Protein backbone atom coordinates (compact mmCIF):
# COMPACT_ATOMS: atom_id res chain seq x y z
CA UNK A 1 0.00 0.00 0.00
CA UNK A 2 1.47 3.36 -0.92
CA UNK A 3 1.98 6.21 1.53
CA UNK A 4 -1.05 8.23 0.38
CA UNK A 5 -3.38 5.24 0.70
CA UNK A 6 -2.00 4.46 4.16
CA UNK A 7 -2.54 8.06 5.27
CA UNK A 8 -6.11 8.02 3.89
CA UNK A 9 -6.85 4.75 5.69
CA UNK A 10 -5.46 6.14 8.94
CA UNK A 11 -7.54 9.32 8.61
CA UNK A 12 -10.73 7.29 8.15
CA UNK A 13 -9.89 5.11 11.15
CA UNK A 14 -9.12 8.15 13.30
CA UNK A 15 -12.54 9.66 12.55
CA UNK A 16 -14.24 6.34 13.31
CA UNK A 17 -12.30 5.69 16.53
CA UNK A 18 -12.76 9.25 17.82
CA UNK A 19 -16.51 8.91 17.38
CA UNK A 20 -16.57 5.49 19.04
CA UNK A 21 -14.42 6.75 21.91
CA UNK A 22 -17.00 9.36 22.85
CA UNK A 23 -19.54 6.54 23.21
CA UNK A 24 -17.27 4.23 25.21
CA UNK A 25 -15.61 6.83 27.43
CA UNK A 26 -15.34 5.79 31.05
CA UNK A 27 -13.74 7.76 33.82
CA UNK A 28 -11.67 4.98 35.29
CA UNK A 29 -8.22 4.36 36.70
CA UNK A 30 -5.07 2.82 35.24
CA UNK A 31 -3.35 2.50 38.65
CA UNK A 32 -3.08 -1.28 38.19
CA UNK A 33 -0.15 -0.52 35.86
CA UNK A 34 2.00 0.25 38.87
CA UNK A 35 1.98 -3.43 39.83
CA UNK A 36 3.46 -4.43 36.45
CA UNK A 37 7.02 -5.74 36.66
CA UNK A 38 8.11 -3.16 34.07
CA UNK A 39 7.40 -0.38 36.61
CA UNK A 40 9.25 -2.02 39.52
CA UNK A 41 12.10 0.16 40.71
CA UNK A 42 11.84 2.54 37.75
CA UNK A 43 12.61 6.16 38.58
CA UNK A 44 12.39 7.96 35.22
CA UNK A 45 8.96 7.73 33.62
CA UNK A 46 7.29 9.83 30.94
CA UNK A 47 3.52 10.25 30.83
CA UNK A 48 1.09 12.87 29.57
CA UNK A 49 -1.83 14.97 30.79
CA UNK A 50 -4.99 13.50 29.34
CA UNK A 51 -7.75 15.66 27.94
CA UNK A 52 -11.38 15.25 26.85
CA UNK A 53 -12.18 11.54 26.38
CA UNK A 54 -8.63 10.19 26.59
CA UNK A 55 -7.91 7.65 29.33
CA UNK A 56 -7.52 9.68 32.52
CA UNK A 57 -3.88 9.94 33.63
CA UNK A 58 -4.41 12.18 36.66
CA UNK A 59 -4.31 9.58 39.44
CA UNK A 60 -1.61 7.53 37.71
CA UNK A 61 0.67 10.57 37.31
CA UNK A 62 0.13 11.67 40.91
CA UNK A 63 0.78 8.17 42.27
CA UNK A 64 4.01 7.87 40.28
CA UNK A 65 5.24 11.18 41.74
CA UNK A 66 4.14 10.11 45.24
CA UNK A 67 6.21 6.92 44.78
CA UNK A 68 9.37 8.93 44.12
CA UNK A 69 9.41 8.70 40.33
CA UNK A 70 10.72 11.62 38.31
CA UNK A 71 7.77 12.16 35.99
CA UNK A 72 8.35 13.77 32.60
CA UNK A 73 5.61 15.31 30.48
CA UNK A 74 5.83 16.16 26.79
CA UNK A 75 5.96 19.67 25.42
CA UNK A 76 5.45 20.31 21.72
CA UNK A 77 8.20 22.11 19.85
CA UNK A 78 7.75 24.13 16.70
CA UNK A 79 7.69 21.53 13.93
CA UNK A 80 5.82 18.96 16.02
CA UNK A 81 8.62 17.20 17.88
CA UNK A 82 8.32 16.55 21.62
CA UNK A 83 10.68 17.50 24.41
CA UNK A 84 10.44 16.18 27.97
CA UNK A 85 10.05 18.38 31.06
CA UNK A 86 10.16 17.07 34.64
CA UNK A 87 6.88 17.78 36.42
CA UNK A 88 6.27 17.79 40.18
CA UNK A 89 2.50 17.27 40.04
CA UNK A 90 1.64 20.91 40.73
CA UNK A 91 -1.10 22.03 38.34
CA UNK A 92 0.24 25.60 38.45
CA UNK A 93 3.31 24.27 36.61
CA UNK A 94 1.19 23.54 33.53
CA UNK A 95 -0.03 25.86 30.82
CA UNK A 96 -2.86 25.24 28.40
CA UNK A 97 -1.88 25.12 24.74
CA UNK A 98 -4.95 24.51 22.59
CA UNK A 99 -6.70 21.48 24.12
CA UNK A 100 -3.71 20.14 26.01
CA UNK A 101 -1.74 21.05 29.10
CA UNK A 102 2.02 21.28 28.78
CA UNK A 103 4.63 21.53 31.54
CA UNK A 104 6.43 24.76 32.35
CA UNK A 105 10.16 24.57 32.96
CA UNK A 106 13.46 23.54 31.47
CA UNK A 107 13.49 20.67 29.01
CA UNK A 108 15.54 17.58 29.84
CA UNK A 109 17.03 14.75 27.86
CA UNK A 110 16.34 11.98 30.37
CA UNK A 111 17.12 8.31 29.95
CA UNK A 112 13.54 7.13 30.33
CA UNK A 113 12.68 3.74 31.81
CA UNK A 114 9.01 3.75 30.81
CA UNK A 115 6.93 5.91 28.47
CA UNK A 116 3.14 6.02 28.90
CA UNK A 117 1.61 7.12 25.60
CA UNK A 118 -1.85 8.06 24.36
CA UNK A 119 -3.48 6.09 21.57
CA UNK A 120 -6.84 5.96 19.81
CA UNK A 121 -6.45 2.27 19.04
CA UNK A 122 -3.89 -0.53 19.25
CA UNK A 123 -3.61 -3.70 17.21
CA UNK A 124 -2.38 -7.13 18.31
CA UNK A 125 1.15 -6.35 17.11
CA UNK A 126 1.48 -3.24 19.27
CA UNK A 127 0.91 -0.75 16.48
CA UNK A 128 -0.83 2.35 17.78
CA UNK A 129 -3.00 4.84 15.99
CA UNK A 130 -2.42 8.28 17.46
CA UNK A 131 -3.83 11.68 16.63
CA UNK A 132 -1.92 11.92 13.36
CA UNK A 133 0.90 14.37 13.94
CA UNK A 134 3.66 11.80 14.35
CA UNK A 135 5.07 13.54 17.44
CA UNK A 136 5.00 10.45 19.62
CA UNK A 137 6.38 8.22 16.88
CA UNK A 138 9.38 10.52 16.50
CA UNK A 139 9.89 10.65 20.28
CA UNK A 140 9.48 6.89 20.73
CA UNK A 141 12.04 6.22 17.99
CA UNK A 142 14.65 7.98 20.17
CA UNK A 143 14.20 5.89 23.32
CA UNK A 144 14.77 2.30 24.37
CA UNK A 145 12.24 2.70 27.22
CA UNK A 146 9.40 0.22 27.72
CA UNK A 147 6.36 1.77 26.02
CA UNK A 148 2.75 1.29 27.12
CA UNK A 149 -0.33 2.89 25.53
CA UNK A 150 -3.48 3.67 27.52
CA UNK A 151 -6.76 2.81 25.82
CA UNK A 152 -10.38 2.29 26.77
CA UNK A 153 -11.98 -1.17 26.71
CA UNK A 154 -12.66 -2.23 23.12
CA UNK A 155 -9.77 -0.21 21.69
CA UNK A 156 -7.42 -3.15 21.21
CA UNK A 157 -8.20 -4.56 17.79
CA UNK A 158 -7.78 -7.97 16.20
CA UNK A 159 -7.54 -6.20 12.84
CA UNK A 160 -4.08 -4.91 11.87
CA UNK A 161 -3.80 -1.14 11.70
CA UNK A 162 -2.26 0.47 8.62
CA UNK A 163 1.34 1.45 9.29
CA UNK A 164 4.22 3.14 7.56
CA UNK A 165 7.97 3.07 8.16
CA UNK A 166 7.80 5.89 10.73
CA UNK A 167 5.25 4.25 13.05
CA UNK A 168 6.65 3.02 16.35
CA UNK A 169 4.96 0.07 18.06
CA UNK A 170 4.47 -0.07 21.80
CA UNK A 171 5.41 -2.95 24.08
CA UNK A 172 2.01 -3.10 25.75
CA UNK A 173 -1.47 -1.60 25.96
CA UNK A 174 -3.47 -1.05 29.13
CA UNK A 175 -7.18 -0.75 29.70
CA UNK A 176 -8.57 -0.09 33.20
CA UNK A 177 -8.76 -3.83 33.84
CA UNK A 178 -5.86 -5.41 31.97
CA UNK A 179 -2.36 -5.07 30.59
CA UNK A 180 -1.65 -6.73 27.25
CA UNK A 181 2.00 -7.21 26.35
CA UNK A 182 3.02 -7.61 22.71
C-alpha atoms as a PDB file:
ATOM      1  CA  UNK A   1       0.000   0.000   0.000  1.00  0.00           C
ATOM      2  CA  UNK A   2       1.467   3.364  -0.922  1.00  0.00           C
ATOM      3  CA  UNK A   3       1.982   6.215   1.531  1.00  0.00           C
ATOM      4  CA  UNK A   4      -1.055   8.233   0.380  1.00  0.00           C
ATOM      5  CA  UNK A   5      -3.382   5.239   0.700  1.00  0.00           C
ATOM      6  CA  UNK A   6      -1.996   4.459   4.162  1.00  0.00           C
ATOM      7  CA  UNK A   7      -2.542   8.057   5.269  1.00  0.00           C
ATOM      8  CA  UNK A   8      -6.109   8.023   3.888  1.00  0.00           C
ATOM      9  CA  UNK A   9      -6.849   4.750   5.689  1.00  0.00           C
ATOM     10  CA  UNK A  10      -5.461   6.138   8.936  1.00  0.00           C
ATOM     11  CA  UNK A  11      -7.538   9.324   8.609  1.00  0.00           C
ATOM     12  CA  UNK A  12     -10.731   7.290   8.154  1.00  0.00           C
ATOM     13  CA  UNK A  13      -9.888   5.113  11.149  1.00  0.00           C
ATOM     14  CA  UNK A  14      -9.115   8.154  13.304  1.00  0.00           C
ATOM     15  CA  UNK A  15     -12.537   9.657  12.547  1.00  0.00           C
ATOM     16  CA  UNK A  16     -14.238   6.341  13.308  1.00  0.00           C
ATOM     17  CA  UNK A  17     -12.304   5.687  16.525  1.00  0.00           C
ATOM     18  CA  UNK A  18     -12.761   9.247  17.822  1.00  0.00           C
ATOM     19  CA  UNK A  19     -16.514   8.907  17.379  1.00  0.00           C
ATOM     20  CA  UNK A  20     -16.566   5.489  19.043  1.00  0.00           C
ATOM     21  CA  UNK A  21     -14.416   6.749  21.914  1.00  0.00           C
ATOM     22  CA  UNK A  22     -17.003   9.358  22.847  1.00  0.00           C
ATOM     23  CA  UNK A  23     -19.543   6.537  23.206  1.00  0.00           C
ATOM     24  CA  UNK A  24     -17.271   4.229  25.206  1.00  0.00           C
ATOM     25  CA  UNK A  25     -15.607   6.831  27.434  1.00  0.00           C
ATOM     26  CA  UNK A  26     -15.337   5.791  31.052  1.00  0.00           C
ATOM     27  CA  UNK A  27     -13.741   7.762  33.822  1.00  0.00           C
ATOM     28  CA  UNK A  28     -11.665   4.984  35.294  1.00  0.00           C
ATOM     29  CA  UNK A  29      -8.219   4.362  36.698  1.00  0.00           C
ATOM     30  CA  UNK A  30      -5.075   2.817  35.243  1.00  0.00           C
ATOM     31  CA  UNK A  31      -3.352   2.496  38.647  1.00  0.00           C
ATOM     32  CA  UNK A  32      -3.076  -1.279  38.186  1.00  0.00           C
ATOM     33  CA  UNK A  33      -0.154  -0.519  35.857  1.00  0.00           C
ATOM     34  CA  UNK A  34       1.998   0.254  38.874  1.00  0.00           C
ATOM     35  CA  UNK A  35       1.983  -3.435  39.835  1.00  0.00           C
ATOM     36  CA  UNK A  36       3.456  -4.434  36.445  1.00  0.00           C
ATOM     37  CA  UNK A  37       7.023  -5.735  36.660  1.00  0.00           C
ATOM     38  CA  UNK A  38       8.114  -3.160  34.069  1.00  0.00           C
ATOM     39  CA  UNK A  39       7.404  -0.380  36.605  1.00  0.00           C
ATOM     40  CA  UNK A  40       9.246  -2.019  39.519  1.00  0.00           C
ATOM     41  CA  UNK A  41      12.099   0.156  40.711  1.00  0.00           C
ATOM     42  CA  UNK A  42      11.840   2.537  37.752  1.00  0.00           C
ATOM     43  CA  UNK A  43      12.608   6.160  38.584  1.00  0.00           C
ATOM     44  CA  UNK A  44      12.389   7.960  35.224  1.00  0.00           C
ATOM     45  CA  UNK A  45       8.956   7.728  33.619  1.00  0.00           C
ATOM     46  CA  UNK A  46       7.286   9.835  30.942  1.00  0.00           C
ATOM     47  CA  UNK A  47       3.524  10.253  30.827  1.00  0.00           C
ATOM     48  CA  UNK A  48       1.087  12.872  29.571  1.00  0.00           C
ATOM     49  CA  UNK A  49      -1.826  14.968  30.794  1.00  0.00           C
ATOM     50  CA  UNK A  50      -4.992  13.495  29.335  1.00  0.00           C
ATOM     51  CA  UNK A  51      -7.755  15.656  27.937  1.00  0.00           C
ATOM     52  CA  UNK A  52     -11.380  15.247  26.850  1.00  0.00           C
ATOM     53  CA  UNK A  53     -12.177  11.540  26.379  1.00  0.00           C
ATOM     54  CA  UNK A  54      -8.632  10.189  26.589  1.00  0.00           C
ATOM     55  CA  UNK A  55      -7.914   7.645  29.327  1.00  0.00           C
ATOM     56  CA  UNK A  56      -7.522   9.681  32.517  1.00  0.00           C
ATOM     57  CA  UNK A  57      -3.877   9.938  33.626  1.00  0.00           C
ATOM     58  CA  UNK A  58      -4.413  12.185  36.655  1.00  0.00           C
ATOM     59  CA  UNK A  59      -4.313   9.582  39.437  1.00  0.00           C
ATOM     60  CA  UNK A  60      -1.608   7.531  37.710  1.00  0.00           C
ATOM     61  CA  UNK A  61       0.667  10.571  37.313  1.00  0.00           C
ATOM     62  CA  UNK A  62       0.131  11.675  40.915  1.00  0.00           C
ATOM     63  CA  UNK A  63       0.782   8.173  42.272  1.00  0.00           C
ATOM     64  CA  UNK A  64       4.008   7.869  40.276  1.00  0.00           C
ATOM     65  CA  UNK A  65       5.239  11.179  41.743  1.00  0.00           C
ATOM     66  CA  UNK A  66       4.140  10.114  45.242  1.00  0.00           C
ATOM     67  CA  UNK A  67       6.210   6.921  44.783  1.00  0.00           C
ATOM     68  CA  UNK A  68       9.372   8.930  44.118  1.00  0.00           C
ATOM     69  CA  UNK A  69       9.408   8.702  40.328  1.00  0.00           C
ATOM     70  CA  UNK A  70      10.718  11.622  38.307  1.00  0.00           C
ATOM     71  CA  UNK A  71       7.770  12.163  35.986  1.00  0.00           C
ATOM     72  CA  UNK A  72       8.349  13.766  32.602  1.00  0.00           C
ATOM     73  CA  UNK A  73       5.612  15.312  30.476  1.00  0.00           C
ATOM     74  CA  UNK A  74       5.830  16.158  26.788  1.00  0.00           C
ATOM     75  CA  UNK A  75       5.962  19.666  25.422  1.00  0.00           C
ATOM     76  CA  UNK A  76       5.454  20.314  21.722  1.00  0.00           C
ATOM     77  CA  UNK A  77       8.205  22.109  19.853  1.00  0.00           C
ATOM     78  CA  UNK A  78       7.751  24.133  16.700  1.00  0.00           C
ATOM     79  CA  UNK A  79       7.695  21.526  13.934  1.00  0.00           C
ATOM     80  CA  UNK A  80       5.818  18.963  16.016  1.00  0.00           C
ATOM     81  CA  UNK A  81       8.618  17.200  17.884  1.00  0.00           C
ATOM     82  CA  UNK A  82       8.321  16.555  21.616  1.00  0.00           C
ATOM     83  CA  UNK A  83      10.676  17.497  24.412  1.00  0.00           C
ATOM     84  CA  UNK A  84      10.438  16.183  27.974  1.00  0.00           C
ATOM     85  CA  UNK A  85      10.053  18.377  31.056  1.00  0.00           C
ATOM     86  CA  UNK A  86      10.162  17.069  34.639  1.00  0.00           C
ATOM     87  CA  UNK A  87       6.880  17.779  36.424  1.00  0.00           C
ATOM     88  CA  UNK A  88       6.272  17.786  40.180  1.00  0.00           C
ATOM     89  CA  UNK A  89       2.505  17.272  40.043  1.00  0.00           C
ATOM     90  CA  UNK A  90       1.635  20.907  40.733  1.00  0.00           C
ATOM     91  CA  UNK A  91      -1.097  22.033  38.336  1.00  0.00           C
ATOM     92  CA  UNK A  92       0.243  25.597  38.452  1.00  0.00           C
ATOM     93  CA  UNK A  93       3.311  24.269  36.608  1.00  0.00           C
ATOM     94  CA  UNK A  94       1.187  23.539  33.535  1.00  0.00           C
ATOM     95  CA  UNK A  95      -0.030  25.858  30.823  1.00  0.00           C
ATOM     96  CA  UNK A  96      -2.856  25.236  28.396  1.00  0.00           C
ATOM     97  CA  UNK A  97      -1.879  25.122  24.742  1.00  0.00           C
ATOM     98  CA  UNK A  98      -4.950  24.508  22.595  1.00  0.00           C
ATOM     99  CA  UNK A  99      -6.697  21.478  24.116  1.00  0.00           C
ATOM    100  CA  UNK A 100      -3.705  20.142  26.012  1.00  0.00           C
ATOM    101  CA  UNK A 101      -1.735  21.052  29.104  1.00  0.00           C
ATOM    102  CA  UNK A 102       2.025  21.284  28.782  1.00  0.00           C
ATOM    103  CA  UNK A 103       4.627  21.531  31.540  1.00  0.00           C
ATOM    104  CA  UNK A 104       6.427  24.764  32.346  1.00  0.00           C
ATOM    105  CA  UNK A 105      10.162  24.568  32.961  1.00  0.00           C
ATOM    106  CA  UNK A 106      13.458  23.543  31.470  1.00  0.00           C
ATOM    107  CA  UNK A 107      13.491  20.670  29.008  1.00  0.00           C
ATOM    108  CA  UNK A 108      15.539  17.578  29.837  1.00  0.00           C
ATOM    109  CA  UNK A 109      17.031  14.748  27.864  1.00  0.00           C
ATOM    110  CA  UNK A 110      16.344  11.982  30.370  1.00  0.00           C
ATOM    111  CA  UNK A 111      17.124   8.310  29.949  1.00  0.00           C
ATOM    112  CA  UNK A 112      13.544   7.134  30.326  1.00  0.00           C
ATOM    113  CA  UNK A 113      12.681   3.743  31.809  1.00  0.00           C
ATOM    114  CA  UNK A 114       9.011   3.754  30.814  1.00  0.00           C
ATOM    115  CA  UNK A 115       6.927   5.905  28.475  1.00  0.00           C
ATOM    116  CA  UNK A 116       3.142   6.023  28.899  1.00  0.00           C
ATOM    117  CA  UNK A 117       1.613   7.116  25.602  1.00  0.00           C
ATOM    118  CA  UNK A 118      -1.852   8.061  24.365  1.00  0.00           C
ATOM    119  CA  UNK A 119      -3.481   6.088  21.569  1.00  0.00           C
ATOM    120  CA  UNK A 120      -6.836   5.962  19.811  1.00  0.00           C
ATOM    121  CA  UNK A 121      -6.454   2.275  19.038  1.00  0.00           C
ATOM    122  CA  UNK A 122      -3.888  -0.529  19.249  1.00  0.00           C
ATOM    123  CA  UNK A 123      -3.608  -3.705  17.209  1.00  0.00           C
ATOM    124  CA  UNK A 124      -2.380  -7.130  18.308  1.00  0.00           C
ATOM    125  CA  UNK A 125       1.148  -6.354  17.109  1.00  0.00           C
ATOM    126  CA  UNK A 126       1.482  -3.244  19.273  1.00  0.00           C
ATOM    127  CA  UNK A 127       0.911  -0.748  16.479  1.00  0.00           C
ATOM    128  CA  UNK A 128      -0.831   2.352  17.776  1.00  0.00           C
ATOM    129  CA  UNK A 129      -2.999   4.839  15.990  1.00  0.00           C
ATOM    130  CA  UNK A 130      -2.417   8.280  17.455  1.00  0.00           C
ATOM    131  CA  UNK A 131      -3.827  11.682  16.633  1.00  0.00           C
ATOM    132  CA  UNK A 132      -1.923  11.919  13.365  1.00  0.00           C
ATOM    133  CA  UNK A 133       0.895  14.373  13.945  1.00  0.00           C
ATOM    134  CA  UNK A 134       3.659  11.801  14.346  1.00  0.00           C
ATOM    135  CA  UNK A 135       5.066  13.538  17.443  1.00  0.00           C
ATOM    136  CA  UNK A 136       5.003  10.449  19.624  1.00  0.00           C
ATOM    137  CA  UNK A 137       6.379   8.217  16.876  1.00  0.00           C
ATOM    138  CA  UNK A 138       9.384  10.516  16.496  1.00  0.00           C
ATOM    139  CA  UNK A 139       9.887  10.647  20.278  1.00  0.00           C
ATOM    140  CA  UNK A 140       9.482   6.887  20.730  1.00  0.00           C
ATOM    141  CA  UNK A 141      12.045   6.221  17.993  1.00  0.00           C
ATOM    142  CA  UNK A 142      14.653   7.980  20.170  1.00  0.00           C
ATOM    143  CA  UNK A 143      14.204   5.888  23.317  1.00  0.00           C
ATOM    144  CA  UNK A 144      14.771   2.305  24.369  1.00  0.00           C
ATOM    145  CA  UNK A 145      12.238   2.695  27.215  1.00  0.00           C
ATOM    146  CA  UNK A 146       9.399   0.218  27.718  1.00  0.00           C
ATOM    147  CA  UNK A 147       6.364   1.766  26.022  1.00  0.00           C
ATOM    148  CA  UNK A 148       2.745   1.287  27.116  1.00  0.00           C
ATOM    149  CA  UNK A 149      -0.325   2.889  25.532  1.00  0.00           C
ATOM    150  CA  UNK A 150      -3.476   3.671  27.517  1.00  0.00           C
ATOM    151  CA  UNK A 151      -6.762   2.811  25.818  1.00  0.00           C
ATOM    152  CA  UNK A 152     -10.375   2.290  26.774  1.00  0.00           C
ATOM    153  CA  UNK A 153     -11.977  -1.172  26.707  1.00  0.00           C
ATOM    154  CA  UNK A 154     -12.661  -2.228  23.122  1.00  0.00           C
ATOM    155  CA  UNK A 155      -9.767  -0.208  21.687  1.00  0.00           C
ATOM    156  CA  UNK A 156      -7.417  -3.155  21.213  1.00  0.00           C
ATOM    157  CA  UNK A 157      -8.196  -4.560  17.793  1.00  0.00           C
ATOM    158  CA  UNK A 158      -7.778  -7.966  16.204  1.00  0.00           C
ATOM    159  CA  UNK A 159      -7.536  -6.201  12.838  1.00  0.00           C
ATOM    160  CA  UNK A 160      -4.077  -4.914  11.870  1.00  0.00           C
ATOM    161  CA  UNK A 161      -3.796  -1.136  11.704  1.00  0.00           C
ATOM    162  CA  UNK A 162      -2.261   0.467   8.616  1.00  0.00           C
ATOM    163  CA  UNK A 163       1.339   1.448   9.289  1.00  0.00           C
ATOM    164  CA  UNK A 164       4.222   3.144   7.562  1.00  0.00           C
ATOM    165  CA  UNK A 165       7.965   3.071   8.157  1.00  0.00           C
ATOM    166  CA  UNK A 166       7.799   5.889  10.733  1.00  0.00           C
ATOM    167  CA  UNK A 167       5.245   4.246  13.053  1.00  0.00           C
ATOM    168  CA  UNK A 168       6.651   3.020  16.354  1.00  0.00           C
ATOM    169  CA  UNK A 169       4.961   0.074  18.058  1.00  0.00           C
ATOM    170  CA  UNK A 170       4.471  -0.072  21.803  1.00  0.00           C
ATOM    171  CA  UNK A 171       5.410  -2.949  24.085  1.00  0.00           C
ATOM    172  CA  UNK A 172       2.008  -3.098  25.755  1.00  0.00           C
ATOM    173  CA  UNK A 173      -1.471  -1.601  25.963  1.00  0.00           C
ATOM    174  CA  UNK A 174      -3.466  -1.049  29.133  1.00  0.00           C
ATOM    175  CA  UNK A 175      -7.184  -0.750  29.705  1.00  0.00           C
ATOM    176  CA  UNK A 176      -8.573  -0.088  33.205  1.00  0.00           C
ATOM    177  CA  UNK A 177      -8.758  -3.833  33.838  1.00  0.00           C
ATOM    178  CA  UNK A 178      -5.856  -5.407  31.974  1.00  0.00           C
ATOM    179  CA  UNK A 179      -2.360  -5.069  30.594  1.00  0.00           C
ATOM    180  CA  UNK A 180      -1.651  -6.733  27.249  1.00  0.00           C
ATOM    181  CA  UNK A 181       1.997  -7.214  26.350  1.00  0.00           C
ATOM    182  CA  UNK A 182       3.024  -7.607  22.714  1.00  0.00           C
END
